[in-house]
N, C-alpha and C. Protein backbone atom coordinates (compact mmCIF):
# COMPACT_ATOMS: atom_id res chain seq x y z
N UNK A 1 -8.64 28.23 -11.46
CA UNK A 1 -7.69 27.75 -12.46
C UNK A 1 -6.44 27.18 -11.80
N UNK A 2 -5.93 27.86 -10.78
CA UNK A 2 -4.73 27.39 -10.11
C UNK A 2 -4.94 26.01 -9.50
N UNK A 3 -6.12 25.77 -8.89
CA UNK A 3 -6.42 24.47 -8.30
C UNK A 3 -6.39 23.36 -9.33
N UNK A 4 -6.89 23.61 -10.53
CA UNK A 4 -6.88 22.56 -11.55
C UNK A 4 -5.47 22.29 -12.06
N UNK A 5 -4.62 23.29 -12.08
CA UNK A 5 -3.22 23.06 -12.49
C UNK A 5 -2.54 22.17 -11.46
N UNK A 6 -2.77 22.46 -10.18
CA UNK A 6 -2.17 21.63 -9.13
C UNK A 6 -2.69 20.20 -9.22
N UNK A 7 -3.98 20.04 -9.49
CA UNK A 7 -4.56 18.70 -9.60
C UNK A 7 -3.93 17.96 -10.78
N UNK A 8 -3.72 18.66 -11.89
CA UNK A 8 -3.08 18.02 -13.05
C UNK A 8 -1.65 17.63 -12.73
N UNK A 9 -0.92 18.48 -12.01
CA UNK A 9 0.44 18.15 -11.61
C UNK A 9 0.46 16.91 -10.72
N UNK A 10 -0.50 16.83 -9.80
CA UNK A 10 -0.57 15.71 -8.88
C UNK A 10 -0.81 14.41 -9.64
N UNK A 11 -1.54 14.45 -10.75
CA UNK A 11 -1.80 13.25 -11.54
C UNK A 11 -0.60 12.87 -12.42
N UNK A 12 0.47 13.64 -12.34
CA UNK A 12 1.71 13.31 -13.04
C UNK A 12 2.78 12.81 -12.06
N UNK A 13 2.52 12.94 -10.76
CA UNK A 13 3.50 12.59 -9.74
C UNK A 13 3.75 11.08 -9.68
N UNK A 14 5.02 10.71 -9.69
CA UNK A 14 5.43 9.31 -9.61
C UNK A 14 5.97 9.05 -8.21
N UNK A 15 5.91 7.79 -7.78
CA UNK A 15 6.47 7.50 -6.47
C UNK A 15 6.17 6.10 -5.97
N UNK A 16 6.49 5.90 -4.70
CA UNK A 16 6.26 4.65 -4.00
C UNK A 16 5.33 4.93 -2.84
N UNK A 17 4.46 3.98 -2.55
CA UNK A 17 3.46 4.19 -1.50
C UNK A 17 3.25 2.91 -0.70
N UNK A 18 2.79 3.09 0.51
CA UNK A 18 2.33 2.00 1.35
C UNK A 18 0.96 2.39 1.86
N UNK A 19 -0.02 1.52 1.69
CA UNK A 19 -1.33 1.77 2.27
C UNK A 19 -1.52 0.83 3.46
N UNK A 20 -2.16 1.35 4.48
CA UNK A 20 -2.51 0.54 5.64
C UNK A 20 -4.01 0.31 5.55
N UNK A 21 -4.38 -0.95 5.51
CA UNK A 21 -5.78 -1.36 5.34
C UNK A 21 -6.26 -1.95 6.65
N UNK A 22 -7.31 -1.38 7.20
CA UNK A 22 -7.93 -1.93 8.41
C UNK A 22 -8.95 -2.96 7.95
N UNK A 23 -8.68 -4.21 8.26
CA UNK A 23 -9.54 -5.29 7.80
C UNK A 23 -10.36 -5.81 8.98
N UNK A 24 -11.66 -5.68 8.89
CA UNK A 24 -12.56 -6.19 9.91
C UNK A 24 -13.10 -7.55 9.54
N UNK A 25 -12.44 -8.24 8.63
CA UNK A 25 -12.90 -9.50 8.05
C UNK A 25 -11.98 -10.63 8.49
N UNK A 26 -12.56 -11.71 8.94
CA UNK A 26 -11.81 -12.94 9.20
C UNK A 26 -12.39 -14.02 8.32
N UNK A 27 -11.55 -14.73 7.63
CA UNK A 27 -11.99 -15.79 6.72
C UNK A 27 -11.06 -15.86 5.53
N UNK A 28 -11.50 -16.53 4.50
CA UNK A 28 -10.66 -16.70 3.32
C UNK A 28 -10.96 -15.61 2.29
N UNK A 29 -9.90 -15.20 1.59
CA UNK A 29 -10.02 -14.23 0.50
C UNK A 29 -9.29 -14.83 -0.69
N UNK A 30 -9.95 -14.85 -1.84
CA UNK A 30 -9.33 -15.31 -3.07
C UNK A 30 -8.56 -14.16 -3.69
N UNK A 31 -7.36 -14.44 -4.18
CA UNK A 31 -6.52 -13.43 -4.82
C UNK A 31 -6.25 -13.84 -6.27
N UNK A 32 -7.32 -14.02 -7.03
CA UNK A 32 -7.19 -14.38 -8.43
C UNK A 32 -6.48 -15.71 -8.60
N UNK A 33 -5.58 -15.78 -9.56
CA UNK A 33 -4.86 -17.02 -9.86
C UNK A 33 -3.86 -17.43 -8.77
N UNK A 34 -3.54 -16.49 -7.87
CA UNK A 34 -2.58 -16.82 -6.81
C UNK A 34 -3.19 -17.75 -5.76
N UNK A 35 -4.50 -17.82 -5.70
CA UNK A 35 -5.15 -18.70 -4.74
C UNK A 35 -5.80 -17.95 -3.60
N UNK A 36 -6.10 -18.69 -2.55
CA UNK A 36 -6.80 -18.12 -1.40
C UNK A 36 -5.85 -18.03 -0.21
N UNK A 37 -6.14 -17.05 0.63
CA UNK A 37 -5.37 -16.88 1.86
C UNK A 37 -6.34 -16.69 3.01
N UNK A 38 -5.98 -17.22 4.15
CA UNK A 38 -6.80 -17.01 5.35
C UNK A 38 -6.42 -15.66 5.94
N UNK A 39 -7.41 -14.80 6.13
CA UNK A 39 -7.18 -13.48 6.70
C UNK A 39 -7.76 -13.42 8.10
N UNK A 40 -7.11 -12.65 8.94
CA UNK A 40 -7.62 -12.36 10.28
C UNK A 40 -7.82 -10.85 10.39
N UNK A 41 -8.66 -10.44 11.31
CA UNK A 41 -8.86 -9.02 11.54
C UNK A 41 -7.52 -8.39 11.92
N UNK A 42 -7.32 -7.16 11.45
CA UNK A 42 -6.09 -6.43 11.77
C UNK A 42 -5.71 -5.50 10.65
N UNK A 43 -4.52 -4.96 10.75
CA UNK A 43 -3.99 -4.05 9.74
C UNK A 43 -3.13 -4.81 8.75
N UNK A 44 -3.36 -4.55 7.47
CA UNK A 44 -2.56 -5.12 6.40
C UNK A 44 -1.83 -3.96 5.73
N UNK A 45 -0.62 -4.21 5.28
CA UNK A 45 0.20 -3.18 4.65
C UNK A 45 0.55 -3.62 3.24
N UNK A 46 0.25 -2.76 2.28
CA UNK A 46 0.55 -3.06 0.88
C UNK A 46 1.44 -1.95 0.34
N UNK A 47 2.56 -2.32 -0.26
CA UNK A 47 3.50 -1.36 -0.83
C UNK A 47 3.56 -1.54 -2.33
N UNK A 48 3.48 -0.42 -3.04
CA UNK A 48 3.54 -0.45 -4.50
C UNK A 48 4.25 0.77 -5.05
N UNK A 49 4.50 0.75 -6.33
CA UNK A 49 5.08 1.89 -7.04
C UNK A 49 4.08 2.38 -8.07
N UNK A 50 4.10 3.66 -8.31
CA UNK A 50 3.25 4.29 -9.31
C UNK A 50 4.16 5.17 -10.16
N UNK A 51 4.54 4.66 -11.30
CA UNK A 51 5.54 5.36 -12.11
C UNK A 51 4.98 5.87 -13.43
N UNK A 52 3.66 5.94 -13.54
CA UNK A 52 3.04 6.44 -14.75
C UNK A 52 2.39 7.79 -14.54
N UNK A 53 1.42 8.11 -15.37
CA UNK A 53 0.68 9.36 -15.21
C UNK A 53 -0.80 9.02 -15.23
N UNK A 54 -1.62 9.99 -14.86
CA UNK A 54 -3.06 9.76 -14.82
C UNK A 54 -3.42 8.68 -13.82
N UNK A 55 -4.14 7.66 -14.27
CA UNK A 55 -4.55 6.56 -13.38
C UNK A 55 -3.35 5.78 -12.85
N UNK A 56 -2.23 5.80 -13.54
CA UNK A 56 -1.04 5.08 -13.11
C UNK A 56 -0.08 5.96 -12.29
N UNK A 57 -0.51 7.20 -11.99
CA UNK A 57 0.29 8.10 -11.16
C UNK A 57 0.12 7.73 -9.70
N UNK A 58 0.88 8.37 -8.86
CA UNK A 58 0.77 8.13 -7.42
C UNK A 58 -0.65 8.40 -6.93
N UNK A 59 -1.20 9.55 -7.24
CA UNK A 59 -2.56 9.87 -6.81
C UNK A 59 -3.58 8.95 -7.46
N UNK A 60 -3.39 8.61 -8.72
CA UNK A 60 -4.32 7.71 -9.39
C UNK A 60 -4.39 6.35 -8.72
N UNK A 61 -3.22 5.81 -8.35
CA UNK A 61 -3.19 4.51 -7.67
C UNK A 61 -3.82 4.60 -6.28
N UNK A 62 -3.52 5.67 -5.54
CA UNK A 62 -4.08 5.80 -4.19
C UNK A 62 -5.60 5.95 -4.24
N UNK A 63 -6.09 6.72 -5.20
CA UNK A 63 -7.55 6.85 -5.36
C UNK A 63 -8.17 5.50 -5.66
N UNK A 64 -7.55 4.72 -6.50
CA UNK A 64 -8.08 3.39 -6.85
C UNK A 64 -8.16 2.50 -5.60
N UNK A 65 -7.10 2.50 -4.81
CA UNK A 65 -7.09 1.65 -3.62
C UNK A 65 -8.18 2.04 -2.62
N UNK A 66 -8.55 3.31 -2.58
CA UNK A 66 -9.59 3.77 -1.65
C UNK A 66 -10.99 3.33 -2.07
N UNK A 67 -11.19 3.08 -3.37
CA UNK A 67 -12.53 2.72 -3.87
C UNK A 67 -12.81 1.24 -3.63
N UNK A 68 -14.05 0.94 -3.25
CA UNK A 68 -14.46 -0.45 -3.10
C UNK A 68 -14.95 -1.02 -4.43
N UNK A 69 -15.58 -0.17 -5.24
CA UNK A 69 -16.14 -0.63 -6.53
C UNK A 69 -15.12 -0.39 -7.63
N UNK A 70 -14.65 -1.48 -8.22
CA UNK A 70 -13.69 -1.41 -9.32
C UNK A 70 -13.56 -2.79 -9.92
N UNK A 71 -13.08 -2.84 -11.12
CA UNK A 71 -12.76 -4.12 -11.74
C UNK A 71 -11.50 -4.64 -11.04
N UNK A 72 -11.50 -5.91 -10.68
CA UNK A 72 -10.34 -6.50 -10.00
C UNK A 72 -9.25 -6.75 -11.03
N UNK A 73 -8.29 -5.86 -11.06
CA UNK A 73 -7.20 -5.91 -12.02
C UNK A 73 -5.90 -6.33 -11.34
N UNK A 74 -5.61 -5.74 -10.17
CA UNK A 74 -4.41 -6.03 -9.41
C UNK A 74 -4.75 -6.99 -8.28
N UNK A 75 -3.76 -7.73 -7.79
CA UNK A 75 -4.00 -8.66 -6.68
C UNK A 75 -4.61 -7.96 -5.47
N UNK A 76 -4.14 -6.76 -5.16
CA UNK A 76 -4.61 -6.04 -3.97
C UNK A 76 -6.09 -5.67 -4.09
N UNK A 77 -6.61 -5.57 -5.31
CA UNK A 77 -8.02 -5.23 -5.51
C UNK A 77 -8.95 -6.23 -4.83
N UNK A 78 -8.54 -7.49 -4.73
CA UNK A 78 -9.38 -8.50 -4.11
C UNK A 78 -9.61 -8.20 -2.63
N UNK A 79 -8.67 -7.53 -2.00
CA UNK A 79 -8.83 -7.14 -0.59
C UNK A 79 -9.50 -5.78 -0.47
N UNK A 80 -9.08 -4.81 -1.27
CA UNK A 80 -9.63 -3.45 -1.13
C UNK A 80 -11.06 -3.34 -1.66
N UNK A 81 -11.55 -4.34 -2.38
CA UNK A 81 -12.96 -4.36 -2.81
C UNK A 81 -13.90 -4.74 -1.66
N UNK A 82 -13.38 -5.38 -0.64
CA UNK A 82 -14.21 -5.82 0.47
C UNK A 82 -14.68 -4.62 1.30
N UNK A 83 -15.96 -4.55 1.56
CA UNK A 83 -16.53 -3.44 2.36
C UNK A 83 -15.99 -3.45 3.79
N UNK A 84 -15.55 -4.61 4.27
CA UNK A 84 -15.04 -4.72 5.64
C UNK A 84 -13.56 -4.35 5.75
N UNK A 85 -12.96 -3.99 4.64
CA UNK A 85 -11.56 -3.59 4.60
C UNK A 85 -11.47 -2.17 4.05
N UNK A 86 -10.81 -1.30 4.79
CA UNK A 86 -10.75 0.10 4.39
C UNK A 86 -9.34 0.65 4.51
N UNK A 87 -8.91 1.40 3.49
CA UNK A 87 -7.62 2.09 3.56
C UNK A 87 -7.76 3.19 4.61
N UNK A 88 -6.94 3.11 5.65
CA UNK A 88 -7.02 4.10 6.73
C UNK A 88 -5.85 5.08 6.71
N UNK A 89 -4.72 4.66 6.14
CA UNK A 89 -3.56 5.54 6.06
C UNK A 89 -2.79 5.27 4.78
N UNK A 90 -2.13 6.32 4.30
CA UNK A 90 -1.26 6.23 3.12
C UNK A 90 0.06 6.89 3.46
N UNK A 91 1.13 6.22 3.15
CA UNK A 91 2.46 6.78 3.31
C UNK A 91 3.07 6.74 1.92
N UNK A 92 3.63 7.85 1.47
CA UNK A 92 4.22 7.83 0.13
C UNK A 92 5.36 8.84 0.01
N UNK A 93 6.15 8.62 -1.04
CA UNK A 93 7.21 9.56 -1.37
C UNK A 93 7.27 9.69 -2.89
N UNK A 94 7.59 10.87 -3.33
CA UNK A 94 7.75 11.10 -4.77
C UNK A 94 9.12 10.57 -5.18
N UNK A 95 9.15 9.83 -6.27
CA UNK A 95 10.41 9.28 -6.77
C UNK A 95 10.18 8.69 -8.15
N UNK A 96 11.17 8.78 -8.99
CA UNK A 96 11.12 8.12 -10.29
C UNK A 96 11.67 6.70 -10.21
N UNK A 97 12.18 6.32 -9.04
CA UNK A 97 12.77 5.00 -8.86
C UNK A 97 11.75 4.03 -8.28
N UNK A 98 11.88 2.78 -8.62
CA UNK A 98 11.03 1.71 -8.09
C UNK A 98 11.61 1.29 -6.74
N UNK A 99 10.99 1.76 -5.66
CA UNK A 99 11.47 1.48 -4.31
C UNK A 99 10.60 0.48 -3.57
N UNK A 100 9.54 0.00 -4.20
CA UNK A 100 8.56 -0.83 -3.50
C UNK A 100 9.17 -2.09 -2.91
N UNK A 101 10.09 -2.72 -3.60
CA UNK A 101 10.67 -3.98 -3.10
C UNK A 101 11.47 -3.74 -1.82
N UNK A 102 12.35 -2.75 -1.84
CA UNK A 102 13.17 -2.50 -0.65
C UNK A 102 12.33 -1.99 0.52
N UNK A 103 11.31 -1.17 0.25
CA UNK A 103 10.44 -0.66 1.32
C UNK A 103 9.63 -1.80 1.92
N UNK A 104 9.02 -2.63 1.07
CA UNK A 104 8.21 -3.73 1.57
C UNK A 104 9.05 -4.71 2.39
N UNK A 105 10.24 -5.02 1.91
CA UNK A 105 11.13 -5.92 2.64
C UNK A 105 11.54 -5.32 3.98
N UNK A 106 11.83 -4.02 4.02
CA UNK A 106 12.20 -3.36 5.27
C UNK A 106 11.04 -3.39 6.27
N UNK A 107 9.83 -3.15 5.80
CA UNK A 107 8.66 -3.19 6.69
C UNK A 107 8.47 -4.62 7.22
N UNK A 108 8.55 -5.60 6.35
CA UNK A 108 8.37 -7.00 6.74
C UNK A 108 9.40 -7.41 7.79
N UNK A 109 10.64 -7.05 7.55
CA UNK A 109 11.74 -7.41 8.46
C UNK A 109 11.61 -6.68 9.80
N UNK A 110 11.39 -5.37 9.74
CA UNK A 110 11.37 -4.56 10.96
C UNK A 110 10.18 -4.88 11.86
N UNK A 111 9.02 -5.11 11.25
CA UNK A 111 7.82 -5.38 12.05
C UNK A 111 7.56 -6.87 12.22
N UNK A 112 8.42 -7.69 11.59
CA UNK A 112 8.25 -9.15 11.66
C UNK A 112 6.85 -9.57 11.20
N UNK A 113 6.45 -8.99 10.05
CA UNK A 113 5.15 -9.30 9.43
C UNK A 113 5.44 -10.01 8.11
N UNK A 114 4.95 -11.22 7.95
CA UNK A 114 5.19 -11.95 6.69
C UNK A 114 4.21 -11.54 5.60
N UNK A 115 4.54 -11.88 4.35
CA UNK A 115 3.57 -11.68 3.27
C UNK A 115 2.34 -12.57 3.51
N UNK A 116 1.19 -12.08 3.09
CA UNK A 116 -0.06 -12.82 3.23
C UNK A 116 -0.04 -14.07 2.37
N UNK A 117 0.41 -13.91 1.15
CA UNK A 117 0.45 -15.00 0.19
C UNK A 117 1.59 -14.70 -0.78
N UNK A 118 2.45 -15.64 -1.09
CA UNK A 118 3.55 -15.37 -2.02
C UNK A 118 3.03 -14.82 -3.35
N UNK A 119 3.66 -13.75 -3.79
CA UNK A 119 3.36 -13.20 -5.11
C UNK A 119 2.40 -12.03 -5.15
N UNK A 120 1.68 -11.75 -4.07
CA UNK A 120 0.73 -10.63 -4.12
C UNK A 120 1.50 -9.33 -4.27
N UNK A 121 1.25 -8.63 -5.36
CA UNK A 121 1.90 -7.35 -5.64
C UNK A 121 3.32 -7.48 -6.13
N UNK A 122 3.79 -8.70 -6.33
CA UNK A 122 5.18 -8.86 -6.74
C UNK A 122 5.32 -9.75 -7.98
N UNK A 123 4.35 -9.68 -8.85
CA UNK A 123 4.42 -10.50 -10.06
C UNK A 123 5.46 -9.99 -11.05
N UNK A 124 5.94 -8.75 -10.85
CA UNK A 124 6.94 -8.19 -11.75
C UNK A 124 8.33 -8.08 -11.10
N UNK A 125 8.51 -8.81 -9.97
CA UNK A 125 9.81 -8.80 -9.30
C UNK A 125 10.02 -10.16 -8.64
N UNK A 126 11.09 -10.31 -7.89
CA UNK A 126 11.38 -11.58 -7.24
C UNK A 126 11.10 -11.57 -5.75
N UNK A 127 10.33 -10.63 -5.27
CA UNK A 127 10.02 -10.53 -3.84
C UNK A 127 9.05 -11.63 -3.42
N UNK A 128 9.00 -11.85 -2.11
CA UNK A 128 8.06 -12.83 -1.56
C UNK A 128 6.62 -12.35 -1.68
N UNK A 129 6.41 -11.06 -1.62
CA UNK A 129 5.08 -10.49 -1.71
C UNK A 129 5.06 -9.10 -1.09
N UNK A 130 4.18 -8.26 -1.57
CA UNK A 130 4.11 -6.87 -1.10
C UNK A 130 2.89 -6.59 -0.23
N UNK A 131 2.07 -7.60 0.03
CA UNK A 131 0.95 -7.46 0.97
C UNK A 131 1.34 -8.19 2.24
N UNK A 132 1.49 -7.42 3.31
CA UNK A 132 1.96 -7.96 4.59
C UNK A 132 0.84 -7.90 5.62
N UNK A 133 0.81 -8.88 6.50
CA UNK A 133 -0.15 -8.79 7.58
C UNK A 133 -0.58 -10.14 8.08
N UNK A 134 -1.44 -10.12 9.07
CA UNK A 134 -1.96 -8.91 9.71
C UNK A 134 -1.04 -8.42 10.82
N UNK A 135 -1.08 -7.14 11.07
CA UNK A 135 -0.39 -6.54 12.20
C UNK A 135 -1.47 -6.25 13.24
N UNK A 136 -1.40 -6.91 14.37
CA UNK A 136 -2.43 -6.76 15.40
C UNK A 136 -1.86 -6.26 16.72
N UNK A 137 -0.53 -6.15 16.80
CA UNK A 137 0.10 -5.79 18.07
C UNK A 137 0.23 -4.29 18.28
N UNK A 138 0.35 -3.52 17.23
CA UNK A 138 0.69 -2.10 17.34
C UNK A 138 -0.53 -1.21 17.22
N UNK A 139 -0.50 -0.12 17.95
CA UNK A 139 -1.49 0.94 17.74
C UNK A 139 -1.19 1.59 16.39
N UNK A 140 -2.21 2.19 15.80
CA UNK A 140 -2.06 2.75 14.46
C UNK A 140 -0.95 3.79 14.37
N UNK A 141 -0.84 4.67 15.37
CA UNK A 141 0.21 5.69 15.36
C UNK A 141 1.60 5.09 15.38
N UNK A 142 1.79 4.06 16.18
CA UNK A 142 3.08 3.38 16.26
C UNK A 142 3.39 2.68 14.93
N UNK A 143 2.38 2.10 14.34
CA UNK A 143 2.54 1.42 13.05
C UNK A 143 2.98 2.43 11.98
N UNK A 144 2.34 3.59 11.93
CA UNK A 144 2.72 4.63 10.97
C UNK A 144 4.18 5.04 11.16
N UNK A 145 4.56 5.24 12.40
CA UNK A 145 5.93 5.64 12.71
C UNK A 145 6.93 4.60 12.20
N UNK A 146 6.63 3.33 12.41
CA UNK A 146 7.53 2.26 11.98
C UNK A 146 7.62 2.17 10.45
N UNK A 147 6.51 2.42 9.76
CA UNK A 147 6.53 2.39 8.30
C UNK A 147 7.38 3.55 7.77
N UNK A 148 7.21 4.73 8.34
CA UNK A 148 8.03 5.89 7.94
C UNK A 148 9.51 5.58 8.17
N UNK A 149 9.83 4.96 9.30
CA UNK A 149 11.22 4.60 9.59
C UNK A 149 11.78 3.63 8.55
N UNK A 150 10.94 2.72 8.05
CA UNK A 150 11.39 1.79 7.01
C UNK A 150 11.75 2.54 5.73
N UNK A 151 10.95 3.54 5.37
CA UNK A 151 11.27 4.37 4.19
C UNK A 151 12.62 5.06 4.39
N UNK A 152 12.84 5.62 5.57
CA UNK A 152 14.09 6.32 5.85
C UNK A 152 15.27 5.35 5.77
N UNK A 153 15.12 4.14 6.29
CA UNK A 153 16.20 3.16 6.27
C UNK A 153 16.61 2.74 4.86
N UNK A 154 15.69 2.83 3.90
CA UNK A 154 16.07 2.47 2.53
C UNK A 154 16.55 3.69 1.73
N UNK A 155 16.72 4.83 2.42
CA UNK A 155 17.33 5.99 1.79
C UNK A 155 16.39 7.12 1.39
N UNK A 156 15.12 7.05 1.76
CA UNK A 156 14.19 8.13 1.42
C UNK A 156 14.33 9.23 2.48
N UNK A 157 14.60 10.47 2.05
CA UNK A 157 14.70 11.57 3.03
C UNK A 157 13.37 11.76 3.78
N UNK A 158 13.45 11.86 5.09
CA UNK A 158 12.25 12.01 5.93
C UNK A 158 11.36 13.17 5.46
N UNK A 159 11.98 14.25 5.01
CA UNK A 159 11.21 15.43 4.58
C UNK A 159 10.38 15.15 3.33
N UNK A 160 10.70 14.11 2.58
CA UNK A 160 9.95 13.84 1.34
C UNK A 160 8.86 12.77 1.53
N UNK A 161 8.69 12.30 2.76
CA UNK A 161 7.68 11.28 3.05
C UNK A 161 6.40 11.97 3.53
N UNK A 162 5.29 11.65 2.90
CA UNK A 162 4.00 12.21 3.30
C UNK A 162 3.13 11.11 3.88
N UNK A 163 2.44 11.44 4.96
CA UNK A 163 1.51 10.51 5.60
C UNK A 163 0.13 11.13 5.52
N UNK A 164 -0.85 10.36 5.06
CA UNK A 164 -2.24 10.83 4.99
C UNK A 164 -3.13 9.88 5.76
N UNK A 165 -3.96 10.45 6.61
CA UNK A 165 -4.98 9.67 7.32
C UNK A 165 -6.25 9.75 6.49
N UNK A 166 -6.86 8.62 6.19
CA UNK A 166 -8.05 8.59 5.35
C UNK A 166 -9.35 8.49 6.15
N UNK A 167 -9.27 8.43 7.47
CA UNK A 167 -10.45 8.33 8.31
C UNK A 167 -10.71 9.67 8.97
N UNK A 168 -11.95 10.06 9.01
CA UNK A 168 -12.34 11.27 9.73
C UNK A 168 -12.17 12.45 8.95
């Protein structure tokens, strides 16, 4: 019973997250009405907010991003549906505030990684885009460290940032 209460609480958790997607695919990917972008093998970083409950909660959104089979509803779904692209890490913090824009911009600036295509993940804001990549220069551990540092720079307390490895 206690486990199910915790699971229900987790499906109510709101926050901001960044997923790191290991893409083994080189070629073009269509992103719905936004058009096509040329992708290269490497790590892509997508930052979003989950401010609802259930499927729109933090855990609900992260579970969705991990699945390959889903209806393509969000721009990022066009990439995460590909079998050659896998979510390998998740960085998130609990918050009722929409922090995705400042976190994505900090990651882009600090790692010098541009958005893949203008507008991906940012149709409800004025950002250049929330899907960044590819990052091919850094080892995965170094990349995680830099993403956590970006969260801290925008004011998220280090103790409230969680990192999850999805491989192994």
